Protein backbone atom coordinates (compact mmCIF):
# COMPACT_ATOMS: atom_id res chain seq x y z
CA MET A 1 62.39 188.78 122.64
CA ASP A 2 62.79 186.29 125.48
CA GLU A 3 62.80 182.63 124.51
CA ILE A 4 60.33 180.43 126.36
CA VAL A 5 61.74 177.07 127.34
CA ASN A 6 59.29 174.32 128.18
CA MET A 7 60.67 171.91 130.78
CA PRO A 8 58.84 168.73 131.79
CA GLN A 9 56.65 169.56 134.75
CA VAL A 10 56.86 167.72 138.04
CA GLU A 11 53.34 167.22 139.29
CA GLU A 12 52.52 168.11 142.88
CA LYS A 13 51.56 164.50 143.57
CA ASP A 14 55.15 163.56 142.72
CA LEU A 15 56.27 165.87 145.53
CA VAL A 16 54.23 164.08 148.19
CA VAL A 17 56.41 161.23 149.37
CA LYS A 18 54.35 158.46 150.94
CA PHE A 19 56.10 156.30 153.51
CA GLY A 20 55.91 152.51 153.45
CA LYS A 21 55.10 152.53 157.15
CA PRO A 22 54.39 155.28 159.67
CA PHE A 23 57.42 157.24 160.84
CA VAL A 24 57.51 158.76 164.32
CA PHE A 25 59.50 161.94 164.88
CA GLU A 26 59.30 164.03 168.04
CA ASN A 27 56.20 162.15 169.20
CA LYS A 28 54.31 162.83 165.97
CA THR A 29 53.50 160.12 163.42
CA TYR A 30 54.00 160.83 159.72
CA THR A 31 52.75 158.72 156.82
CA GLU A 32 54.06 161.10 154.17
CA VAL A 33 55.97 164.31 153.65
CA ASN A 34 54.84 167.06 151.31
CA LEU A 35 57.72 168.60 149.35
CA SER A 36 55.56 170.84 147.15
CA GLY A 37 57.23 173.80 148.85
CA LEU A 38 60.17 173.13 146.51
CA GLU A 39 58.15 175.08 143.93
CA ASP A 40 58.61 178.22 146.05
CA LEU A 41 62.38 177.98 146.48
CA ASN A 42 64.86 180.00 144.45
CA GLY A 43 68.51 179.97 143.46
CA GLU A 44 69.62 181.48 146.76
CA ASP A 45 67.97 178.57 148.59
CA LEU A 46 70.01 176.13 146.51
CA CYS A 47 73.18 178.14 147.13
CA ARG A 48 72.46 178.17 150.88
CA ALA A 49 71.93 174.42 150.80
CA ASP A 50 75.20 173.94 148.93
CA ARG A 51 77.12 176.11 151.42
CA ALA A 52 75.58 174.27 154.38
CA VAL A 53 76.44 170.87 152.94
CA ARG A 54 80.01 171.89 152.10
CA ALA A 55 80.42 173.38 155.61
CA GLN A 56 79.59 169.92 156.99
CA GLY A 57 82.58 168.56 155.10
CA ASN A 58 80.80 167.11 152.06
CA ALA A 59 83.20 167.66 149.19
CA ALA A 60 81.10 166.07 146.43
CA SER A 61 81.56 167.86 143.12
CA MET A 62 77.80 167.75 142.47
CA THR A 63 76.30 168.40 145.90
CA GLU A 64 72.81 168.62 144.39
CA MET A 65 73.00 164.84 143.97
CA THR A 66 73.71 164.15 147.65
CA PRO A 67 71.29 163.05 150.34
CA ASP A 68 72.47 166.07 152.39
CA ILE A 69 71.05 168.49 149.81
CA ALA A 70 67.79 166.53 149.74
CA CYS A 71 67.62 166.80 153.54
CA PHE A 72 68.31 170.52 153.49
CA LEU A 73 65.92 171.39 150.65
CA GLY A 74 63.29 169.01 152.00
CA SER A 75 63.56 170.73 155.36
CA VAL A 76 62.99 174.16 153.87
CA ALA A 77 60.21 172.97 151.55
CA ALA A 78 58.29 170.96 154.15
CA HIS A 79 58.97 173.28 157.11
CA LEU A 80 60.46 170.41 159.09
CA PRO A 81 63.89 170.21 160.75
CA VAL A 82 66.78 168.69 158.82
CA GLU A 83 66.95 166.10 161.61
CA PHE A 84 63.53 164.80 160.50
CA PHE A 85 64.96 163.82 157.12
CA LYS A 86 68.21 162.45 158.53
CA ALA A 87 66.22 160.24 160.92
CA LEU A 88 64.10 158.70 158.15
CA PRO A 89 64.62 155.00 157.42
CA ILE A 90 67.00 154.70 154.48
CA ARG A 91 64.31 153.51 152.06
CA GLU A 92 62.18 156.58 152.84
CA MET A 93 65.19 158.90 152.60
CA VAL A 94 65.94 157.52 149.13
CA LYS A 95 62.35 158.30 148.11
CA VAL A 96 62.81 161.87 149.36
CA ARG A 97 66.14 162.21 147.56
CA ASN A 98 64.58 160.91 144.34
CA ALA A 99 61.67 163.36 144.62
CA VAL A 100 64.08 166.28 145.14
CA LEU A 101 66.30 165.15 142.25
CA GLY A 102 63.25 164.71 140.01
CA PHE A 103 62.20 168.25 140.85
CA LEU A 104 65.67 169.75 140.38
CA PHE A 105 66.24 168.03 137.06
CA GLY A 106 62.82 168.74 135.57
CA GLY A 107 61.27 165.36 136.25
CA ASP A 108 63.83 163.51 134.13
CA GLU A 109 65.26 161.50 137.04
């Protein structure tokens, strides 16, 4: 019989990152980014993200903790280019990274 493990749930509202001020990217203004698409990703997506980050020269032992992984996974989840996330003001990028980490680690972060 399979064991059922109950992990803390990350609510969808936690995956909508609201920006402190509007952010303009490619002539479009954003006040938030919706990362709820993280729910649809799988292990291969995380592996792809890890390979992409390592190919860029990031040698961190825990790449899932890096801003690069947050940019990559955020890009896939929100259907926005990685450049969108890399262009965010640092405060907003930290919010995105924290949302991705919270999702990856079951809301414990």
